[in-house]
Amino acid sequence: MIQSIITHPGGAHKDDFLACAVLLARHAVSIFRRDPTEAELADPQVAVVDIGHQHHPELHNFDHHQFPRDADPSCALSLVLQSLGMYEDTKEFCSWLETTEWFDCRGPNDTADWLGVDREAMAKLNSPLDVTLFKAFARQSEHLAGEPVWEVMKMIGTDLVDYVTGLRRRMDEVAKVEKIWEVEIGESKVKVAFVPRTEPLIEDASGGLAWRIKELGLEEEVVAMVYPDSRGSGYGMRRFNDSPFFDFCRLAEEPDVHFTHNRGFIAKTACTDITRLQYLVEKAGTP
């Protein structure tokens, strides 16, 4: 068990702030902003973050500054997430992570080139939230439980961990029951992703299904999703990536369809029969 966290003094940055925040989600301990001792580097009960020139996850040492200059961009947050087995999922679900790695390792100019934007655009991404939180984190040499900055950091870290692990759990649940239908729309065949109702219901099944479609590499083929309606006993139907293949307004007069958005991108039905659901999807299709 980690008993304390040490990170570097001086200015604070997004990678050390978030790395400490993620660790707080699992270990509600004090944070000290100072140089670590050799004894602390050798003590697995002390997490040393973004300082110390060592990456030894078994000792909870998470520094990247000693990596080769041409190494793939990485940062203290990357190393902490790797140690928790969360790195790949976080990189997939949180598009900001890779930008954070680039900015911390390569600086604003190279990051701007990598993103394909002007250098001046990087400053436009700054927020008063970032500035105030990082200044407050850097201002104190110790951060203890119950203090405002510590509590905010723990909240941020817990929310990030819960989001990533929760989404992975939902995707794994969806993967056990998902089906890919082939539906005829005019002379074309299109793919529709389907999740049946389960007991208990999969939380936010539509969100988990959308990410599963991407994970399966079908985002260019699937054009709609059918999933359990969390507010009723039937199903929801919606376009995927706003595909032009469907206009669910066409279902407005169907007796078992109780909602269609006037923009045509979503509908809800009390129907639970698979054959009927497939008929409704076909009827909503636009050849």
C-alpha atoms as a PDB file:
ATOM      1  CA  MET A   1       0.000   0.000   0.000  1.00  0.00           C
ATOM      2  CA  ILE A   2       1.156   3.502  -0.838  1.00  0.00           C
ATOM      3  CA  GLN A   3       1.521   5.627   2.302  1.00  0.00           C
ATOM      4  CA  SER A   4       2.535   8.937   0.676  1.00  0.00           C
ATOM      5  CA  ILE A   5       3.139  10.598  -2.696  1.00  0.00           C
ATOM      6  CA  ILE A   6       6.140  12.762  -3.586  1.00  0.00           C
ATOM      7  CA  THR A   7       6.289  14.933  -6.694  1.00  0.00           C
ATOM      8  CA  HIS A   8       8.601  17.736  -7.802  1.00  0.00           C
ATOM      9  CA  PRO A   9       8.560  21.251  -6.321  1.00  0.00           C
ATOM     10  CA  GLY A  10       8.218  24.372  -8.442  1.00  0.00           C
ATOM     11  CA  GLY A  11       5.738  24.776 -11.271  1.00  0.00           C
ATOM     12  CA  ALA A  12       2.993  22.199 -11.652  1.00  0.00           C
ATOM     13  CA  HIS A  13       1.821  20.739 -14.942  1.00  0.00           C
ATOM     14  CA  LYS A  14      -1.066  18.648 -16.169  1.00  0.00           C
ATOM     15  CA  ASP A  15       0.831  15.344 -16.131  1.00  0.00           C
ATOM     16  CA  ASP A  16       2.084  15.473 -12.522  1.00  0.00           C
ATOM     17  CA  PHE A  17      -1.211  16.947 -11.292  1.00  0.00           C
ATOM     18  CA  LEU A  18      -3.304  14.207 -12.931  1.00  0.00           C
ATOM     19  CA  ALA A  19      -0.835  11.432 -12.060  1.00  0.00           C
ATOM     20  CA  CYS A  20      -1.137  12.360  -8.384  1.00  0.00           C
ATOM     21  CA  ALA A  21      -4.921  12.693  -8.733  1.00  0.00           C
ATOM     22  CA  VAL A  22      -5.247   9.176 -10.158  1.00  0.00           C
ATOM     23  CA  LEU A  23      -3.101   7.773  -7.358  1.00  0.00           C
ATOM     24  CA  LEU A  24      -5.333   9.545  -4.811  1.00  0.00           C
ATOM     25  CA  ALA A  25      -8.315   7.689  -6.269  1.00  0.00           C
ATOM     26  CA  ARG A  26      -6.753   4.449  -5.017  1.00  0.00           C
ATOM     27  CA  HIS A  27      -4.675   5.738  -2.090  1.00  0.00           C
ATOM     28  CA  ALA A  28      -6.033   8.647  -0.009  1.00  0.00           C
ATOM     29  CA  VAL A  29      -2.618   9.796   1.218  1.00  0.00           C
ATOM     30  CA  SER A  30      -0.696  13.042   1.619  1.00  0.00           C
ATOM     31  CA  ILE A  31       1.229  14.629  -1.270  1.00  0.00           C
ATOM     32  CA  PHE A  32       4.647  16.223  -0.704  1.00  0.00           C
ATOM     33  CA  ARG A  33       6.239  18.524  -3.276  1.00  0.00           C
ATOM     34  CA  ARG A  34       9.988  18.114  -2.802  1.00  0.00           C
ATOM     35  CA  ASP A  35      12.955  16.034  -3.940  1.00  0.00           C
ATOM     36  CA  PRO A  36      12.789  12.375  -2.862  1.00  0.00           C
ATOM     37  CA  THR A  37      15.539  10.737  -0.829  1.00  0.00           C
ATOM     38  CA  GLU A  38      17.280   7.547  -1.943  1.00  0.00           C
ATOM     39  CA  ALA A  39      15.466   5.714   0.826  1.00  0.00           C
ATOM     40  CA  GLU A  40      12.111   6.955  -0.474  1.00  0.00           C
ATOM     41  CA  LEU A  41      12.962   5.903  -4.021  1.00  0.00           C
ATOM     42  CA  ALA A  42      13.647   2.405  -2.682  1.00  0.00           C
ATOM     43  CA  ASP A  43      10.472   2.283  -0.583  1.00  0.00           C
ATOM     44  CA  PRO A  44       7.403   0.874  -2.429  1.00  0.00           C
ATOM     45  CA  GLN A  45       5.157   2.574   0.140  1.00  0.00           C
ATOM     46  CA  VAL A  46       6.233   5.958  -1.251  1.00  0.00           C
ATOM     47  CA  ALA A  47       5.043   6.864  -4.747  1.00  0.00           C
ATOM     48  CA  VAL A  48       7.525   9.167  -6.487  1.00  0.00           C
ATOM     49  CA  VAL A  49       5.910  10.996  -9.400  1.00  0.00           C
ATOM     50  CA  ASP A  50       7.564  12.950 -12.241  1.00  0.00           C
ATOM     51  CA  ILE A  51      10.877  13.215 -10.397  1.00  0.00           C
ATOM     52  CA  GLY A  52      13.725  10.900  -9.388  1.00  0.00           C
ATOM     53  CA  HIS A  53      14.831   9.733 -12.880  1.00  0.00           C
ATOM     54  CA  GLN A  54      13.480   6.237 -12.246  1.00  0.00           C
ATOM     55  CA  HIS A  55      10.650   4.228 -13.702  1.00  0.00           C
ATOM     56  CA  HIS A  56      10.145   1.238 -11.455  1.00  0.00           C
ATOM     57  CA  PRO A  57       6.404   0.581 -11.122  1.00  0.00           C
ATOM     58  CA  GLU A  58       7.055  -2.184  -8.590  1.00  0.00           C
ATOM     59  CA  LEU A  59       8.552   0.518  -6.359  1.00  0.00           C
ATOM     60  CA  HIS A  60       5.911   3.078  -7.407  1.00  0.00           C
ATOM     61  CA  ASN A  61       8.519   5.292  -9.069  1.00  0.00           C
ATOM     62  CA  PHE A  62       6.951   7.065 -12.068  1.00  0.00           C
ATOM     63  CA  ASP A  63       9.419   9.391 -13.804  1.00  0.00           C
ATOM     64  CA  HIS A  64       9.906   9.659 -17.568  1.00  0.00           C
ATOM     65  CA  HIS A  65      12.603  12.339 -17.846  1.00  0.00           C
ATOM     66  CA  GLN A  66      15.370   9.750 -18.232  1.00  0.00           C
ATOM     67  CA  PHE A  67      13.764   8.182 -21.317  1.00  0.00           C
ATOM     68  CA  PRO A  68      15.627   8.584 -24.642  1.00  0.00           C
ATOM     69  CA  ARG A  69      14.981  11.800 -26.538  1.00  0.00           C
ATOM     70  CA  ASP A  70      13.457   9.896 -29.476  1.00  0.00           C
ATOM     71  CA  ALA A  71      11.200   7.695 -27.331  1.00  0.00           C
ATOM     72  CA  ASP A  72       7.465   7.790 -27.966  1.00  0.00           C
ATOM     73  CA  PRO A  73       5.891  10.663 -26.029  1.00  0.00           C
ATOM     74  CA  SER A  74       5.059   9.601 -22.488  1.00  0.00           C
ATOM     75  CA  CYS A  75       4.542  11.349 -19.169  1.00  0.00           C
ATOM     76  CA  ALA A  76       4.100  10.621 -15.468  1.00  0.00           C
ATOM     77  CA  LEU A  77       0.352  10.149 -15.950  1.00  0.00           C
ATOM     78  CA  SER A  78       1.027   7.560 -18.675  1.00  0.00           C
ATOM     79  CA  LEU A  79       3.251   5.574 -16.311  1.00  0.00           C
ATOM     80  CA  VAL A  80       0.739   5.639 -13.462  1.00  0.00           C
ATOM     81  CA  LEU A  81      -2.053   4.526 -15.783  1.00  0.00           C
ATOM     82  CA  GLN A  82       0.131   1.709 -17.105  1.00  0.00           C
ATOM     83  CA  SER A  83       0.781   0.495 -13.576  1.00  0.00           C
ATOM     84  CA  LEU A  84      -2.977   0.358 -12.966  1.00  0.00           C
ATOM     85  CA  GLY A  85      -3.649  -1.494 -16.228  1.00  0.00           C
ATOM     86  CA  MET A  86      -5.672   1.451 -17.507  1.00  0.00           C
ATOM     87  CA  TYR A  87      -3.398   3.090 -20.047  1.00  0.00           C
ATOM     88  CA  GLU A  88      -4.716   1.613 -23.311  1.00  0.00           C
ATOM     89  CA  ASP A  89      -8.338   2.161 -22.357  1.00  0.00           C
ATOM     90  CA  THR A  90      -7.680   5.732 -21.196  1.00  0.00           C
ATOM     91  CA  LYS A  91      -5.852   6.528 -24.417  1.00  0.00           C
ATOM     92  CA  GLU A  92      -8.777   5.121 -26.409  1.00  0.00           C
ATOM     93  CA  PHE A  93     -11.549   6.779 -24.391  1.00  0.00           C
ATOM     94  CA  CYS A  94      -9.843  10.106 -23.549  1.00  0.00           C
ATOM     95  CA  SER A  95      -8.466  11.812 -26.648  1.00  0.00           C
ATOM     96  CA  TRP A  96      -6.783  14.482 -24.514  1.00  0.00           C
ATOM     97  CA  LEU A  97      -4.263  11.978 -23.079  1.00  0.00           C
ATOM     98  CA  GLU A  98      -2.085  11.728 -26.183  1.00  0.00           C
ATOM     99  CA  THR A  99      -2.002  15.518 -26.499  1.00  0.00           C
ATOM    100  CA  THR A 100      -0.937  15.756 -22.854  1.00  0.00           C
ATOM    101  CA  GLU A 101       1.912  13.317 -23.532  1.00  0.00           C
ATOM    102  CA  TRP A 102       3.082  15.280 -26.546  1.00  0.00           C
ATOM    103  CA  PHE A 103       2.894  18.643 -24.831  1.00  0.00           C
ATOM    104  CA  ASP A 104       4.822  17.424 -21.778  1.00  0.00           C
ATOM    105  CA  CYS A 105       7.548  15.668 -23.790  1.00  0.00           C
ATOM    106  CA  ARG A 106       7.867  17.717 -26.968  1.00  0.00           C
ATOM    107  CA  GLY A 107       6.592  21.154 -25.996  1.00  0.00           C
ATOM    108  CA  PRO A 108       4.010  23.434 -27.645  1.00  0.00           C
ATOM    109  CA  ASN A 109       5.727  23.870 -31.019  1.00  0.00           C
ATOM    110  CA  ASP A 110       6.092  20.166 -31.840  1.00  0.00           C
ATOM    111  CA  THR A 111       2.658  19.459 -30.399  1.00  0.00           C
ATOM    112  CA  ALA A 112       1.103  22.126 -32.603  1.00  0.00           C
ATOM    113  CA  ASP A 113       2.827  20.606 -35.649  1.00  0.00           C
ATOM    114  CA  TRP A 114       1.614  17.129 -34.653  1.00  0.00           C
ATOM    115  CA  LEU A 115      -1.960  18.416 -34.263  1.00  0.00           C
ATOM    116  CA  GLY A 116      -1.744  20.324 -37.527  1.00  0.00           C
ATOM    117  CA  VAL A 117      -2.546  23.710 -35.972  1.00  0.00           C
ATOM    118  CA  ASP A 118      -0.750  27.020 -35.568  1.00  0.00           C
ATOM    119  CA  ARG A 119       1.464  27.505 -32.509  1.00  0.00           C
ATOM    120  CA  GLU A 120      -0.836  30.323 -31.363  1.00  0.00           C
ATOM    121  CA  ALA A 121      -3.752  27.881 -31.198  1.00  0.00           C
ATOM    122  CA  MET A 122      -2.154  26.070 -28.270  1.00  0.00           C
ATOM    123  CA  ALA A 123      -2.555  29.100 -25.987  1.00  0.00           C
ATOM    124  CA  LYS A 124      -6.228  29.309 -26.948  1.00  0.00           C
ATOM    125  CA  LEU A 125      -6.768  25.884 -25.376  1.00  0.00           C
ATOM    126  CA  ASN A 126      -5.791  27.126 -21.909  1.00  0.00           C
ATOM    127  CA  SER A 127      -8.505  27.519 -19.292  1.00  0.00           C
ATOM    128  CA  PRO A 128      -8.693  29.476 -16.011  1.00  0.00           C
ATOM    129  CA  LEU A 129      -9.500  26.128 -14.391  1.00  0.00           C
ATOM    130  CA  ASP A 130      -6.092  24.759 -15.414  1.00  0.00           C
ATOM    131  CA  VAL A 131      -4.211  27.890 -14.397  1.00  0.00           C
ATOM    132  CA  THR A 132      -5.845  28.214 -10.976  1.00  0.00           C
ATOM    133  CA  LEU A 133      -5.619  24.532 -10.059  1.00  0.00           C
ATOM    134  CA  PHE A 134      -1.984  24.177 -11.115  1.00  0.00           C
ATOM    135  CA  LYS A 135      -0.985  27.377  -9.295  1.00  0.00           C
ATOM    136  CA  ALA A 136      -2.759  26.204  -6.149  1.00  0.00           C
ATOM    137  CA  PHE A 137      -1.087  22.794  -6.389  1.00  0.00           C
ATOM    138  CA  ALA A 138       2.356  24.376  -6.857  1.00  0.00           C
ATOM    139  CA  ARG A 139       1.884  26.927  -4.076  1.00  0.00           C
ATOM    140  CA  GLN A 140       2.012  24.442  -1.178  1.00  0.00           C
ATOM    141  CA  SER A 141       4.751  21.971  -0.304  1.00  0.00           C
ATOM    142  CA  GLU A 142       2.210  19.630   1.308  1.00  0.00           C
ATOM    143  CA  HIS A 143      -1.342  18.660   0.384  1.00  0.00           C
ATOM    144  CA  LEU A 144      -3.351  16.849   3.027  1.00  0.00           C
ATOM    145  CA  ALA A 145      -6.750  15.155   3.147  1.00  0.00           C
ATOM    146  CA  GLY A 146      -9.534  17.610   3.875  1.00  0.00           C
ATOM    147  CA  GLU A 147      -7.812  20.567   2.217  1.00  0.00           C
ATOM    148  CA  PRO A 148      -9.549  22.039  -0.853  1.00  0.00           C
ATOM    149  CA  VAL A 149      -6.861  21.261  -3.450  1.00  0.00           C
ATOM    150  CA  TRP A 150      -6.376  17.687  -2.182  1.00  0.00           C
ATOM    151  CA  GLU A 151     -10.124  17.046  -2.218  1.00  0.00           C
ATOM    152  CA  VAL A 152     -10.522  18.436  -5.744  1.00  0.00           C
ATOM    153  CA  MET A 153      -7.609  16.307  -6.953  1.00  0.00           C
ATOM    154  CA  LYS A 154      -9.110  13.185  -5.427  1.00  0.00           C
ATOM    155  CA  MET A 155     -12.459  13.999  -7.022  1.00  0.00           C
ATOM    156  CA  ILE A 156     -10.846  14.454 -10.455  1.00  0.00           C
ATOM    157  CA  GLY A 157      -8.805  11.259 -10.145  1.00  0.00           C
ATOM    158  CA  THR A 158     -11.764   9.226  -8.922  1.00  0.00           C
ATOM    159  CA  ASP A 159     -13.972  10.514 -11.723  1.00  0.00           C
ATOM    160  CA  LEU A 160     -11.345   9.637 -14.346  1.00  0.00           C
ATOM    161  CA  VAL A 161     -10.765   6.137 -12.961  1.00  0.00           C
ATOM    162  CA  ASP A 162     -14.506   5.500 -12.640  1.00  0.00           C
ATOM    163  CA  TYR A 163     -15.169   6.726 -16.180  1.00  0.00           C
ATOM    164  CA  VAL A 164     -12.520   4.561 -17.802  1.00  0.00           C
ATOM    165  CA  THR A 165     -13.138   1.395 -15.782  1.00  0.00           C
ATOM    166  CA  GLY A 166     -16.911   1.847 -15.965  1.00  0.00           C
ATOM    167  CA  LEU A 167     -16.886   2.267 -19.748  1.00  0.00           C
ATOM    168  CA  ARG A 168     -14.662  -0.789 -20.148  1.00  0.00           C
ATOM    169  CA  ARG A 169     -17.026  -2.807 -17.947  1.00  0.00           C
ATOM    170  CA  ARG A 170     -20.055  -1.744 -20.010  1.00  0.00           C
ATOM    171  CA  MET A 171     -18.256  -2.523 -23.260  1.00  0.00           C
ATOM    172  CA  ASP A 172     -17.354  -5.995 -22.000  1.00  0.00           C
ATOM    173  CA  GLU A 173     -20.987  -6.590 -20.986  1.00  0.00           C
ATOM    174  CA  VAL A 174     -22.189  -5.425 -24.405  1.00  0.00           C
ATOM    175  CA  ALA A 175     -19.642  -7.673 -26.138  1.00  0.00           C
ATOM    176  CA  LYS A 176     -21.245 -10.760 -24.569  1.00  0.00           C
ATOM    177  CA  VAL A 177     -24.654 -10.156 -26.170  1.00  0.00           C
ATOM    178  CA  GLU A 178     -24.186  -7.783 -29.134  1.00  0.00           C
ATOM    179  CA  LYS A 179     -25.385  -8.664 -32.630  1.00  0.00           C
ATOM    180  CA  ILE A 180     -24.686  -7.049 -35.983  1.00  0.00           C
ATOM    181  CA  TRP A 181     -27.725  -7.102 -38.235  1.00  0.00           C
ATOM    182  CA  GLU A 182     -27.549  -6.754 -41.999  1.00  0.00           C
ATOM    183  CA  VAL A 183     -30.523  -4.711 -43.121  1.00  0.00           C
ATOM    184  CA  GLU A 184     -31.665  -4.127 -46.710  1.00  0.00           C
ATOM    185  CA  ILE A 185     -32.255  -0.471 -47.530  1.00  0.00           C
ATOM    186  CA  GLY A 186     -33.353  -0.255 -51.144  1.00  0.00           C
ATOM    187  CA  GLU A 187     -30.675  -2.052 -53.116  1.00  0.00           C
ATOM    188  CA  SER A 188     -28.071  -1.639 -50.377  1.00  0.00           C
ATOM    189  CA  LYS A 189     -27.250  -3.742 -47.343  1.00  0.00           C
ATOM    190  CA  VAL A 190     -26.229  -1.837 -44.254  1.00  0.00           C
ATOM    191  CA  LYS A 191     -25.166  -2.906 -40.772  1.00  0.00           C
ATOM    192  CA  VAL A 192     -27.082  -2.160 -37.599  1.00  0.00           C
ATOM    193  CA  ALA A 193     -25.653  -2.897 -34.141  1.00  0.00           C
ATOM    194  CA  PHE A 194     -28.085  -4.446 -31.661  1.00  0.00           C
ATOM    195  CA  VAL A 195     -27.983  -5.071 -27.901  1.00  0.00           C
ATOM    196  CA  PRO A 196     -30.856  -7.110 -26.400  1.00  0.00           C
ATOM    197  CA  ARG A 197     -32.455  -6.412 -23.061  1.00  0.00           C
ATOM    198  CA  THR A 198     -30.735  -8.237 -20.223  1.00  0.00           C
ATOM    199  CA  GLU A 199     -31.438  -8.756 -16.544  1.00  0.00           C
ATOM    200  CA  PRO A 200     -30.159  -6.599 -15.031  1.00  0.00           C
ATOM    201  CA  LEU A 201     -30.005  -4.009 -17.799  1.00  0.00           C
ATOM    202  CA  ILE A 202     -26.575  -2.933 -18.982  1.00  0.00           C
ATOM    203  CA  GLU A 203     -26.044   0.604 -17.725  1.00  0.00           C
ATOM    204  CA  ASP A 204     -25.869   3.094 -20.626  1.00  0.00           C
ATOM    205  CA  ALA A 205     -25.968   0.265 -23.158  1.00  0.00           C
ATOM    206  CA  SER A 206     -26.084   2.714 -26.075  1.00  0.00           C
ATOM    207  CA  GLY A 207     -22.856   4.388 -24.955  1.00  0.00           C
ATOM    208  CA  GLY A 208     -21.116   1.050 -24.465  1.00  0.00           C
ATOM    209  CA  LEU A 209     -22.350  -0.138 -27.866  1.00  0.00           C
ATOM    210  CA  ALA A 210     -21.077   3.002 -29.625  1.00  0.00           C
ATOM    211  CA  TRP A 211     -17.592   2.441 -28.246  1.00  0.00           C
ATOM    212  CA  ARG A 212     -17.769  -1.288 -29.092  1.00  0.00           C
ATOM    213  CA  ILE A 213     -18.521  -0.414 -32.714  1.00  0.00           C
ATOM    214  CA  LYS A 214     -15.306   1.604 -32.799  1.00  0.00           C
ATOM    215  CA  GLU A 215     -13.367  -1.140 -31.035  1.00  0.00           C
ATOM    216  CA  LEU A 216     -14.576  -3.654 -33.629  1.00  0.00           C
ATOM    217  CA  GLY A 217     -13.444  -1.328 -36.425  1.00  0.00           C
ATOM    218  CA  LEU A 218     -16.994  -1.088 -37.810  1.00  0.00           C
ATOM    219  CA  GLU A 219     -17.519   2.659 -37.482  1.00  0.00           C
ATOM    220  CA  GLU A 220     -17.505   3.027 -41.298  1.00  0.00           C
ATOM    221  CA  GLU A 221     -20.003   0.173 -41.763  1.00  0.00           C
ATOM    222  CA  VAL A 222     -22.542   0.415 -38.941  1.00  0.00           C
ATOM    223  CA  VAL A 223     -25.146   3.087 -39.641  1.00  0.00           C
ATOM    224  CA  ALA A 224     -27.575   2.657 -36.720  1.00  0.00           C
ATOM    225  CA  MET A 225     -27.929   1.188 -33.243  1.00  0.00           C
ATOM    226  CA  VAL A 226     -30.831  -0.571 -31.489  1.00  0.00           C
ATOM    227  CA  TYR A 227     -30.504  -0.867 -27.714  1.00  0.00           C
ATOM    228  CA  PRO A 228     -32.612  -1.222 -24.530  1.00  0.00           C
ATOM    229  CA  ASP A 229     -34.508   1.920 -23.574  1.00  0.00           C
ATOM    230  CA  SER A 230     -33.339   2.782 -20.054  1.00  0.00           C
ATOM    231  CA  ARG A 231     -36.601   4.710 -19.445  1.00  0.00           C
ATOM    232  CA  GLY A 232     -39.023   2.099 -20.683  1.00  0.00           C
ATOM    233  CA  SER A 233     -39.561  -1.568 -21.415  1.00  0.00           C
ATOM    234  CA  GLY A 234     -38.775  -1.357 -25.116  1.00  0.00           C
ATOM    235  CA  TYR A 235     -35.909  -0.163 -27.274  1.00  0.00           C
ATOM    236  CA  GLY A 236     -34.262   2.961 -28.552  1.00  0.00           C
ATOM    237  CA  MET A 237     -33.120   3.316 -32.169  1.00  0.00           C
ATOM    238  CA  ARG A 238     -30.698   5.952 -33.371  1.00  0.00           C
ATOM    239  CA  ARG A 239     -28.389   6.799 -36.228  1.00  0.00           C
ATOM    240  CA  PHE A 240     -24.727   6.024 -35.723  1.00  0.00           C
ATOM    241  CA  ASN A 241     -22.425   8.940 -36.592  1.00  0.00           C
ATOM    242  CA  ASP A 242     -25.534  10.718 -37.914  1.00  0.00           C
ATOM    243  CA  SER A 243     -25.764   8.378 -40.897  1.00  0.00           C
ATOM    244  CA  PRO A 244     -28.052   9.676 -43.674  1.00  0.00           C
ATOM    245  CA  PHE A 245     -29.428   6.136 -44.197  1.00  0.00           C
ATOM    246  CA  PHE A 246     -32.165   6.574 -41.587  1.00  0.00           C
ATOM    247  CA  ASP A 247     -35.011   8.966 -40.907  1.00  0.00           C
ATOM    248  CA  PHE A 248     -36.855   7.697 -37.859  1.00  0.00           C
ATOM    249  CA  CYS A 249     -39.614  10.260 -38.432  1.00  0.00           C
ATOM    250  CA  ARG A 250     -40.979   7.654 -40.833  1.00  0.00           C
ATOM    251  CA  LEU A 251     -42.036   5.650 -37.782  1.00  0.00           C
ATOM    252  CA  ALA A 252     -44.142   8.390 -36.207  1.00  0.00           C
ATOM    253  CA  GLU A 253     -47.451   6.701 -37.113  1.00  0.00           C
ATOM    254  CA  GLU A 254     -46.457   3.211 -35.985  1.00  0.00           C
ATOM    255  CA  PRO A 255     -48.663   2.205 -33.023  1.00  0.00           C
ATOM    256  CA  ASP A 256     -45.826   0.854 -30.904  1.00  0.00           C
ATOM    257  CA  VAL A 257     -43.495   3.818 -31.510  1.00  0.00           C
ATOM    258  CA  HIS A 258     -44.083   6.473 -28.852  1.00  0.00           C
ATOM    259  CA  PHE A 259     -41.332   8.962 -29.694  1.00  0.00           C
ATOM    260  CA  THR A 260     -39.561  10.184 -32.814  1.00  0.00           C
ATOM    261  CA  HIS A 261     -37.326  13.233 -32.817  1.00  0.00           C
ATOM    262  CA  ASN A 262     -38.369  15.806 -35.416  1.00  0.00           C
ATOM    263  CA  ARG A 263     -34.817  15.732 -36.793  1.00  0.00           C
ATOM    264  CA  GLY A 264     -35.213  12.023 -37.479  1.00  0.00           C
ATOM    265  CA  PHE A 265     -32.113  10.763 -35.726  1.00  0.00           C
ATOM    266  CA  ILE A 266     -33.760   8.816 -32.883  1.00  0.00           C
ATOM    267  CA  ALA A 267     -36.937   6.910 -32.033  1.00  0.00           C
ATOM    268  CA  LYS A 268     -38.255   4.875 -29.118  1.00  0.00           C
ATOM    269  CA  THR A 269     -40.595   1.926 -29.237  1.00  0.00           C
ATOM    270  CA  ALA A 270     -42.384  -0.329 -26.773  1.00  0.00           C
ATOM    271  CA  CYS A 271     -41.768  -3.230 -29.129  1.00  0.00           C
ATOM    272  CA  THR A 272     -39.571  -6.094 -27.871  1.00  0.00           C
ATOM    273  CA  ASP A 273     -40.030  -8.562 -30.739  1.00  0.00           C
ATOM    274  CA  ILE A 274     -36.810  -8.847 -32.760  1.00  0.00           C
ATOM    275  CA  THR A 275     -38.551  -9.396 -36.088  1.00  0.00           C
ATOM    276  CA  ARG A 276     -40.723  -6.331 -35.511  1.00  0.00           C
ATOM    277  CA  LEU A 277     -37.691  -4.250 -34.504  1.00  0.00           C
ATOM    278  CA  GLN A 278     -35.913  -5.211 -37.699  1.00  0.00           C
ATOM    279  CA  TYR A 279     -39.013  -4.229 -39.695  1.00  0.00           C
ATOM    280  CA  LEU A 280     -39.088  -0.817 -38.007  1.00  0.00           C
ATOM    281  CA  VAL A 281     -35.412  -0.265 -38.785  1.00  0.00           C
ATOM    282  CA  GLU A 282     -35.961  -1.193 -42.424  1.00  0.00           C
ATOM    283  CA  LYS A 283     -38.947   1.146 -42.675  1.00  0.00           C
ATOM    284  CA  ALA A 284     -36.888   4.025 -41.296  1.00  0.00           C
ATOM    285  CA  GLY A 285     -34.240   3.425 -43.948  1.00  0.00           C
ATOM    286  CA  THR A 286     -33.790   5.945 -46.734  1.00  0.00           C
ATOM    287  CA  PRO A 287     -32.754   4.291 -50.017  1.00  0.00           C
END
